[in-house]
Amino acid sequence: SMQCFPGLVLALSSLLGALALLQLSLHLRVPSRYGKHEERLCRPRGRLPARCAWFLQELPSFLVPALLLALRSPPRLEPLGCRLLCCLFCWHYFYRTFIYPFFTRGRPFPLQLLFFGMLFCIYNGFLQGYYLIYCAEYPNDWCTDIRFTSGLLLFLLGMGINIHSDLLLRQLRKPGEVTYKIPQGGLFTYVSGANYFGEIVEWFGFAIATWSLPAFAFAFFTLCCIGPRAYHHHRYYLKTFTDYPKSRKALIPFVF
């Protein structure tokens, strides 16, 4: 039976923080070359349809924690707070794996980015699942703690913004279309990266509810990974559309 090794949790969390800083340094000036930031002259080799790619990329984040839970003997079902935190993580990735991919209308996805995305989801799925299932210790009344309740509210708010923003983006395209249009409605009224803002809020909410180093490292990674992408989206929209609302910010309403 697997045991908790605090040193392993610390090492994996620290590495995740370092990877976050690496992501930030790589993509602060130059965006990842996929979607609207893809080089026009790139040959369409080594790609998968967006639906298949998103499914394969996100699947490990759902399966790995589920496998860790299945391998634990006896199964960890208490306390309630720990069970709910596991459910929040798996709930997000159930949506990302089994619902979101089948509605997306994105362009074909580069296999190289898919490979690294899958590696990250295996890594982070293991870290978050291993900590919550084998290491985390919460009091029986954790569900009433201000950290859990406020974090849960932030998580639900962020997930709601993220899903609603994805829906608005999906409605911009008719089936088969690959052109980009100006997002309208919802939080897009204020920021160019409403979907990214929602996901960042979601994972910082999870980190507060979990109150753990692995969760805060993941939230920081999310910020460093998709924060710059929101910034580059914003610059793309301003450059491409002369009628793009000048009052919109890149990521955070009224600030940035």
Protein backbone atom coordinates (compact mmCIF):
# COMPACT_ATOMS: atom_id res chain seq x y z
CA SER A 1 0.00 0.00 0.00
CA MET A 2 1.26 3.46 -0.91
CA GLN A 3 2.25 5.77 1.95
CA CYS A 4 2.60 9.52 2.39
CA PHE A 5 6.08 10.94 1.86
CA PRO A 6 6.03 14.66 2.77
CA GLY A 7 9.41 15.15 1.11
CA LEU A 8 7.98 13.94 -2.21
CA VAL A 9 5.07 16.38 -1.93
CA LEU A 10 7.47 19.24 -1.21
CA ALA A 11 9.78 18.30 -4.09
CA LEU A 12 6.97 17.90 -6.64
CA SER A 13 5.30 21.15 -5.52
CA SER A 14 8.60 23.04 -5.74
CA LEU A 15 9.23 21.68 -9.22
CA LEU A 16 5.74 22.75 -10.24
CA GLY A 17 6.51 26.28 -9.03
CA ALA A 18 9.76 26.26 -11.02
CA LEU A 19 7.89 25.07 -14.12
CA ALA A 20 5.47 27.97 -13.62
CA LEU A 21 8.32 30.48 -13.70
CA LEU A 22 9.75 28.74 -16.79
CA GLN A 23 6.36 29.02 -18.54
CA LEU A 24 6.20 32.69 -17.65
CA SER A 25 9.69 33.40 -19.01
CA LEU A 26 9.04 31.48 -22.24
CA HIS A 27 5.66 32.95 -23.11
CA LEU A 28 5.57 36.41 -21.60
CA ARG A 29 6.86 37.88 -24.87
CA VAL A 30 6.12 35.09 -27.35
CA PRO A 31 2.82 33.15 -27.17
CA SER A 32 2.48 29.38 -27.61
CA ARG A 33 2.14 28.67 -31.32
CA TYR A 34 -1.34 27.24 -31.54
CA GLY A 35 -4.79 28.61 -32.22
CA LYS A 36 -4.85 32.26 -33.21
CA HIS A 37 -1.11 32.59 -32.51
CA GLU A 38 -0.06 29.83 -34.88
CA GLU A 39 2.40 30.74 -37.61
CA ARG A 40 0.53 31.02 -40.89
CA LEU A 41 3.27 29.24 -42.82
CA CYS A 42 3.31 26.19 -40.54
CA ARG A 43 2.45 22.98 -42.34
CA PRO A 44 -0.56 21.19 -40.88
CA ARG A 45 1.41 18.01 -40.13
CA GLY A 46 1.44 16.31 -36.76
CA ARG A 47 -1.97 17.48 -35.59
CA LEU A 48 -5.09 15.99 -34.09
CA PRO A 49 -8.66 17.31 -34.30
CA ALA A 50 -9.30 19.67 -31.39
CA ARG A 51 -11.96 17.45 -29.81
CA CYS A 52 -9.73 14.39 -29.74
CA ALA A 53 -6.71 16.39 -28.54
CA TRP A 54 -8.55 18.04 -25.64
CA PHE A 55 -10.00 14.67 -24.56
CA LEU A 56 -6.61 12.94 -24.55
CA GLN A 57 -4.83 15.85 -22.87
CA GLU A 58 -7.25 16.29 -19.97
CA LEU A 59 -8.05 12.60 -19.36
CA PRO A 60 -5.03 11.86 -17.08
CA SER A 61 -6.07 14.61 -14.64
CA PHE A 62 -9.29 12.69 -14.08
CA LEU A 63 -7.97 9.12 -14.25
CA VAL A 64 -4.81 9.45 -12.14
CA PRO A 65 -6.55 10.66 -8.92
CA ALA A 66 -9.28 8.05 -9.48
CA LEU A 67 -6.61 5.35 -9.80
CA LEU A 68 -4.82 6.56 -6.67
CA LEU A 69 -8.09 6.40 -4.75
CA ALA A 70 -8.78 2.88 -6.06
CA LEU A 71 -5.29 1.72 -5.02
CA ARG A 72 -5.67 2.97 -1.44
CA SER A 73 -6.67 0.23 0.97
CA PRO A 74 -8.92 0.87 2.75
CA PRO A 75 -10.44 3.60 0.55
CA ARG A 76 -10.15 7.11 2.00
CA LEU A 77 -13.66 8.43 2.57
CA GLU A 78 -13.16 10.65 5.61
CA PRO A 79 -13.25 13.38 6.62
CA LEU A 80 -15.97 14.97 4.54
CA GLY A 81 -13.84 18.04 3.75
CA CYS A 82 -11.12 15.93 2.11
CA ARG A 83 -13.69 13.98 0.11
CA LEU A 84 -15.26 17.19 -1.16
CA LEU A 85 -11.87 18.60 -2.20
CA CYS A 86 -11.11 15.46 -4.22
CA CYS A 87 -14.52 15.77 -5.83
CA LEU A 88 -13.91 19.42 -6.80
CA PHE A 89 -10.69 18.54 -8.62
CA CYS A 90 -12.23 15.56 -10.40
CA TRP A 91 -15.40 17.53 -11.18
CA HIS A 92 -13.41 20.15 -13.09
CA TYR A 93 -11.57 17.52 -15.09
CA PHE A 94 -14.70 15.45 -15.71
CA TYR A 95 -16.09 18.54 -17.43
CA ARG A 96 -12.81 19.20 -19.26
CA THR A 97 -12.48 15.56 -20.39
CA PHE A 98 -15.97 14.32 -21.11
CA ILE A 99 -18.02 17.45 -21.86
CA TYR A 100 -15.92 20.38 -23.12
CA PRO A 101 -14.07 18.52 -25.93
CA PHE A 102 -17.27 17.38 -27.61
CA PHE A 103 -18.54 20.94 -28.03
CA THR A 104 -15.32 22.77 -28.88
CA ARG A 105 -14.85 24.13 -32.40
CA GLY A 106 -11.14 24.85 -32.19
CA ARG A 107 -8.50 24.28 -34.82
CA PRO A 108 -6.44 21.05 -35.07
CA PHE A 109 -4.00 20.82 -32.18
CA PRO A 110 -0.21 20.26 -32.55
CA LEU A 111 0.89 16.82 -31.34
CA GLN A 112 3.96 18.26 -29.62
CA LEU A 113 1.86 20.53 -27.40
CA LEU A 114 -0.58 17.67 -26.79
CA PHE A 115 2.29 15.47 -25.59
CA PHE A 116 3.54 18.08 -23.10
CA GLY A 117 -0.03 18.81 -22.00
CA MET A 118 -0.62 15.13 -21.24
CA LEU A 119 2.65 14.92 -19.30
CA PHE A 120 1.62 17.90 -17.21
CA CYS A 121 -1.84 16.46 -16.51
CA ILE A 122 -0.28 13.15 -15.38
CA TYR A 123 2.18 15.03 -13.17
CA ASN A 124 -0.33 17.42 -11.62
CA GLY A 125 -3.05 14.78 -11.37
CA PHE A 126 -0.64 12.61 -9.39
CA LEU A 127 0.54 15.47 -7.16
CA GLN A 128 -2.93 16.76 -6.25
CA GLY A 129 -4.44 13.29 -5.93
CA TYR A 130 -1.52 11.84 -3.95
CA TYR A 131 -1.59 14.74 -1.48
CA LEU A 132 -5.34 14.68 -0.92
CA ILE A 133 -5.73 10.90 -0.79
CA TYR A 134 -2.58 9.89 1.09
CA CYS A 135 -1.21 12.94 2.93
CA ALA A 136 -3.85 15.58 3.69
CA GLU A 137 -5.20 15.76 7.23
CA TYR A 138 -8.21 17.97 7.90
CA PRO A 139 -10.30 18.38 11.04
CA ASN A 140 -13.79 16.95 10.92
CA ASP A 141 -15.27 20.46 10.83
CA TRP A 142 -13.11 21.64 7.89
CA CYS A 143 -16.31 22.15 5.84
CA THR A 144 -17.23 25.06 8.12
CA ASP A 145 -13.77 26.65 8.14
CA ILE A 146 -13.63 30.09 6.50
CA ARG A 147 -10.81 28.90 4.22
CA PHE A 148 -12.90 26.04 2.90
CA THR A 149 -16.12 28.02 2.48
CA SER A 150 -14.51 31.08 0.87
CA GLY A 151 -12.32 28.89 -1.37
CA LEU A 152 -15.32 26.82 -2.41
CA LEU A 153 -17.26 29.96 -3.35
CA LEU A 154 -14.31 31.24 -5.41
CA PHE A 155 -13.95 27.84 -7.08
CA LEU A 156 -17.63 27.71 -8.05
CA LEU A 157 -17.58 31.34 -9.23
CA GLY A 158 -14.47 30.73 -11.34
CA MET A 159 -15.82 27.53 -12.83
CA GLY A 160 -19.10 29.27 -13.67
CA ILE A 161 -17.25 32.12 -15.41
CA ASN A 162 -15.04 29.63 -17.25
CA ILE A 163 -17.90 27.46 -18.54
CA HIS A 164 -20.06 30.47 -19.48
CA SER A 165 -17.14 32.11 -21.31
CA ASP A 166 -16.42 28.86 -23.19
CA LEU A 167 -20.07 28.81 -24.27
CA LEU A 168 -19.88 32.40 -25.55
CA LEU A 169 -16.68 31.63 -27.50
CA ARG A 170 -18.27 28.51 -29.01
CA GLN A 171 -21.26 30.51 -30.20
CA LEU A 172 -18.99 32.83 -32.19
CA ARG A 173 -18.37 30.11 -34.77
CA LYS A 174 -20.72 28.13 -36.91
CA PRO A 175 -19.81 24.45 -37.44
CA GLY A 176 -16.81 24.25 -39.76
CA GLU A 177 -15.76 27.88 -39.30
CA VAL A 178 -12.15 28.63 -38.29
CA THR A 179 -12.19 32.44 -38.40
CA TYR A 180 -11.82 34.52 -35.23
CA LYS A 181 -14.38 37.08 -34.10
CA ILE A 182 -14.71 39.54 -31.24
CA PRO A 183 -16.10 37.80 -28.11
CA GLN A 184 -19.20 39.50 -26.71
CA GLY A 185 -21.23 39.22 -23.52
CA GLY A 186 -20.56 38.00 -20.02
CA LEU A 187 -17.20 38.95 -18.55
CA PHE A 188 -15.90 39.52 -22.11
CA THR A 189 -17.51 42.95 -21.74
CA TYR A 190 -14.60 43.83 -19.46
CA VAL A 191 -11.70 41.48 -20.31
CA SER A 192 -10.35 39.74 -23.40
CA GLY A 193 -9.46 36.57 -21.47
CA ALA A 194 -12.69 35.96 -19.56
CA ASN A 195 -12.35 32.17 -19.85
CA TYR A 196 -8.77 32.33 -18.54
CA PHE A 197 -9.74 34.69 -15.72
CA GLY A 198 -12.42 32.22 -14.64
CA GLU A 199 -9.99 29.30 -14.57
CA ILE A 200 -7.41 31.27 -12.57
CA VAL A 201 -10.06 32.27 -10.00
CA GLU A 202 -11.22 28.66 -9.89
CA TRP A 203 -7.81 27.20 -9.02
CA PHE A 204 -6.93 29.90 -6.50
CA GLY A 205 -10.27 29.12 -4.87
CA PHE A 206 -9.30 25.45 -4.82
CA ALA A 207 -5.94 26.35 -3.28
CA ILE A 208 -7.60 28.36 -0.50
CA ALA A 209 -10.14 25.58 0.18
CA THR A 210 -7.37 22.98 0.22
CA TRP A 211 -4.85 25.21 2.04
CA SER A 212 -1.96 23.14 0.73
CA LEU A 213 1.35 23.72 -1.03
CA PRO A 214 0.49 21.47 -4.03
CA ALA A 215 -2.76 23.35 -4.71
CA PHE A 216 -1.12 26.80 -4.39
CA ALA A 217 1.70 25.65 -6.70
CA PHE A 218 -0.90 24.55 -9.26
CA ALA A 219 -2.80 27.85 -8.97
CA PHE A 220 0.48 29.73 -9.49
CA PHE A 221 1.28 27.55 -12.50
CA THR A 222 -2.16 28.27 -13.97
CA LEU A 223 -1.61 32.00 -13.56
CA CYS A 224 1.83 31.87 -15.19
CA CYS A 225 0.64 29.62 -18.01
CA ILE A 226 -2.65 31.14 -19.17
CA GLY A 227 -2.16 34.68 -17.83
CA PRO A 228 0.33 35.51 -20.60
CA ARG A 229 -1.94 33.82 -23.15
CA ALA A 230 -4.77 36.18 -22.16
CA TYR A 231 -2.37 39.10 -22.63
CA HIS A 232 -1.39 37.91 -26.12
CA HIS A 233 -5.05 37.33 -27.03
CA HIS A 234 -5.74 40.92 -26.00
CA ARG A 235 -2.93 42.23 -28.20
CA TYR A 236 -4.14 40.06 -31.11
CA TYR A 237 -7.67 41.45 -30.87
CA LEU A 238 -6.44 45.05 -30.70
CA LYS A 239 -4.21 44.50 -33.73
CA THR A 240 -6.74 42.55 -35.80
CA PHE A 241 -10.01 44.38 -35.16
CA THR A 242 -10.12 48.17 -35.56
CA ASP A 243 -13.46 48.27 -33.72
CA TYR A 244 -12.24 46.25 -30.73
CA PRO A 245 -13.45 47.90 -27.48
CA LYS A 246 -10.56 49.96 -26.13
CA SER A 247 -11.95 49.84 -22.58
CA ARG A 248 -11.38 46.10 -22.24
CA LYS A 249 -8.49 44.85 -20.17
CA ALA A 250 -6.44 41.74 -20.93
CA LEU A 251 -7.20 39.58 -17.88
CA ILE A 252 -8.34 41.37 -14.72
CA PRO A 253 -11.35 43.74 -14.95
CA PHE A 254 -10.44 47.43 -14.47
CA VAL A 255 -6.77 46.60 -13.72
CA PHE A 256 -4.82 44.67 -16.38
